[in-house]
């Protein structure tokens, strides 16, 4: 399993990331035909980017916003 180090300011630890992904990397790595599993951490989307997407698509991302607020935007 290859995991990249967290970029400065993201604040996610590997154990926390493992809990968020529900251990899917281990399951995928043991699956036939899977040769590499990589997790790339990215900074969370900024609020204005989400609002802009909502306006463009005419959709509301209420659950996504709530999850981001409660998880500390650690995705």
C-alpha atoms as a PDB file:
ATOM      1  CA  UNK A   1       0.000   0.000   0.000  1.00  0.00           C
ATOM      2  CA  UNK A   2       1.384   3.367  -0.935  1.00  0.00           C
ATOM      3  CA  UNK A   3       0.208   6.396   1.000  1.00  0.00           C
ATOM      4  CA  UNK A   4       1.543   9.856   0.459  1.00  0.00           C
ATOM      5  CA  UNK A   5       2.381  12.099   3.378  1.00  0.00           C
ATOM      6  CA  UNK A   6      -0.178  14.713   4.302  1.00  0.00           C
ATOM      7  CA  UNK A   7       0.520  18.098   2.773  1.00  0.00           C
ATOM      8  CA  UNK A   8       1.138  20.777   5.400  1.00  0.00           C
ATOM      9  CA  UNK A   9      -2.055  22.113   6.906  1.00  0.00           C
ATOM     10  CA  UNK A  10      -4.315  19.154   6.185  1.00  0.00           C
ATOM     11  CA  UNK A  11      -3.846  17.597   9.606  1.00  0.00           C
ATOM     12  CA  UNK A  12      -5.050  14.067   8.788  1.00  0.00           C
ATOM     13  CA  UNK A  13      -3.207  11.177  10.331  1.00  0.00           C
ATOM     14  CA  UNK A  14      -2.897   7.789   8.643  1.00  0.00           C
ATOM     15  CA  UNK A  15      -4.975   5.986  11.316  1.00  0.00           C
ATOM     16  CA  UNK A  16      -7.727   8.595  10.894  1.00  0.00           C
ATOM     17  CA  UNK A  17      -7.557   8.238   7.122  1.00  0.00           C
ATOM     18  CA  UNK A  18      -7.783   4.440   7.449  1.00  0.00           C
ATOM     19  CA  UNK A  19     -10.982   4.842   9.482  1.00  0.00           C
ATOM     20  CA  UNK A  20     -12.466   7.244   6.932  1.00  0.00           C
ATOM     21  CA  UNK A  21     -11.766   4.880   4.040  1.00  0.00           C
ATOM     22  CA  UNK A  22     -13.092   1.900   6.039  1.00  0.00           C
ATOM     23  CA  UNK A  23      -9.928  -0.074   5.256  1.00  0.00           C
ATOM     24  CA  UNK A  24     -10.792  -0.286   1.561  1.00  0.00           C
ATOM     25  CA  UNK A  25      -7.106  -0.096   0.598  1.00  0.00           C
ATOM     26  CA  UNK A  26      -6.400  -3.418   2.311  1.00  0.00           C
ATOM     27  CA  UNK A  27      -9.393  -5.038   0.628  1.00  0.00           C
ATOM     28  CA  UNK A  28      -8.407  -3.716  -2.791  1.00  0.00           C
ATOM     29  CA  UNK A  29      -4.771  -4.763  -2.396  1.00  0.00           C
ATOM     30  CA  UNK A  30      -5.806  -8.334  -1.676  1.00  0.00           C
ATOM     31  CA  UNK A  31      -8.109  -8.454  -4.714  1.00  0.00           C
ATOM     32  CA  UNK A  32      -6.906 -10.332  -7.808  1.00  0.00           C
ATOM     33  CA  UNK A  33      -5.843  -8.038 -10.622  1.00  0.00           C
ATOM     34  CA  UNK A  34      -5.207  -5.007  -8.404  1.00  0.00           C
ATOM     35  CA  UNK A  35      -1.564  -3.988  -8.665  1.00  0.00           C
ATOM     36  CA  UNK A  36      -1.400  -0.654  -6.865  1.00  0.00           C
ATOM     37  CA  UNK A  37      -3.591   1.324  -4.477  1.00  0.00           C
ATOM     38  CA  UNK A  38      -2.726   4.964  -3.857  1.00  0.00           C
ATOM     39  CA  UNK A  39      -4.459   7.408  -1.537  1.00  0.00           C
ATOM     40  CA  UNK A  40      -3.894  11.048  -2.325  1.00  0.00           C
ATOM     41  CA  UNK A  41      -4.958  13.605   0.249  1.00  0.00           C
ATOM     42  CA  UNK A  42      -6.143  16.918  -1.068  1.00  0.00           C
ATOM     43  CA  UNK A  43      -7.173  20.071   0.750  1.00  0.00           C
ATOM     44  CA  UNK A  44     -10.925  20.460   1.254  1.00  0.00           C
ATOM     45  CA  UNK A  45     -12.960  22.471  -1.210  1.00  0.00           C
ATOM     46  CA  UNK A  46     -13.474  26.072  -0.218  1.00  0.00           C
ATOM     47  CA  UNK A  47     -17.022  27.196   0.540  1.00  0.00           C
ATOM     48  CA  UNK A  48     -17.186  29.528  -2.460  1.00  0.00           C
ATOM     49  CA  UNK A  49     -16.254  26.634  -4.781  1.00  0.00           C
ATOM     50  CA  UNK A  50     -19.110  24.519  -3.401  1.00  0.00           C
ATOM     51  CA  UNK A  51     -21.577  27.416  -3.661  1.00  0.00           C
ATOM     52  CA  UNK A  52     -20.480  28.060  -7.224  1.00  0.00           C
ATOM     53  CA  UNK A  53     -20.996  24.382  -8.137  1.00  0.00           C
ATOM     54  CA  UNK A  54     -24.441  24.389  -6.492  1.00  0.00           C
ATOM     55  CA  UNK A  55     -25.520  27.433  -8.499  1.00  0.00           C
ATOM     56  CA  UNK A  56     -24.186  26.036 -11.764  1.00  0.00           C
ATOM     57  CA  UNK A  57     -25.791  22.578 -11.305  1.00  0.00           C
ATOM     58  CA  UNK A  58     -28.905  23.817  -9.479  1.00  0.00           C
ATOM     59  CA  UNK A  59     -28.232  21.244  -6.745  1.00  0.00           C
ATOM     60  CA  UNK A  60     -27.778  21.564  -2.971  1.00  0.00           C
ATOM     61  CA  UNK A  61     -24.993  19.668  -1.187  1.00  0.00           C
ATOM     62  CA  UNK A  62     -26.391  19.943   2.336  1.00  0.00           C
ATOM     63  CA  UNK A  63     -25.161  16.495   3.471  1.00  0.00           C
ATOM     64  CA  UNK A  64     -21.698  17.117   2.030  1.00  0.00           C
ATOM     65  CA  UNK A  65     -21.427  20.434   3.858  1.00  0.00           C
ATOM     66  CA  UNK A  66     -22.548  18.852   7.138  1.00  0.00           C
ATOM     67  CA  UNK A  67     -20.031  16.018   6.760  1.00  0.00           C
ATOM     68  CA  UNK A  68     -17.232  18.475   6.045  1.00  0.00           C
ATOM     69  CA  UNK A  69     -18.131  20.539   9.072  1.00  0.00           C
ATOM     70  CA  UNK A  70     -18.284  17.546  11.427  1.00  0.00           C
ATOM     71  CA  UNK A  71     -15.208  15.746  10.071  1.00  0.00           C
ATOM     72  CA  UNK A  72     -13.050  18.852  10.178  1.00  0.00           C
ATOM     73  CA  UNK A  73     -12.890  18.723   6.353  1.00  0.00           C
ATOM     74  CA  UNK A  74     -10.294  15.988   6.536  1.00  0.00           C
ATOM     75  CA  UNK A  75     -10.771  14.565   3.016  1.00  0.00           C
END
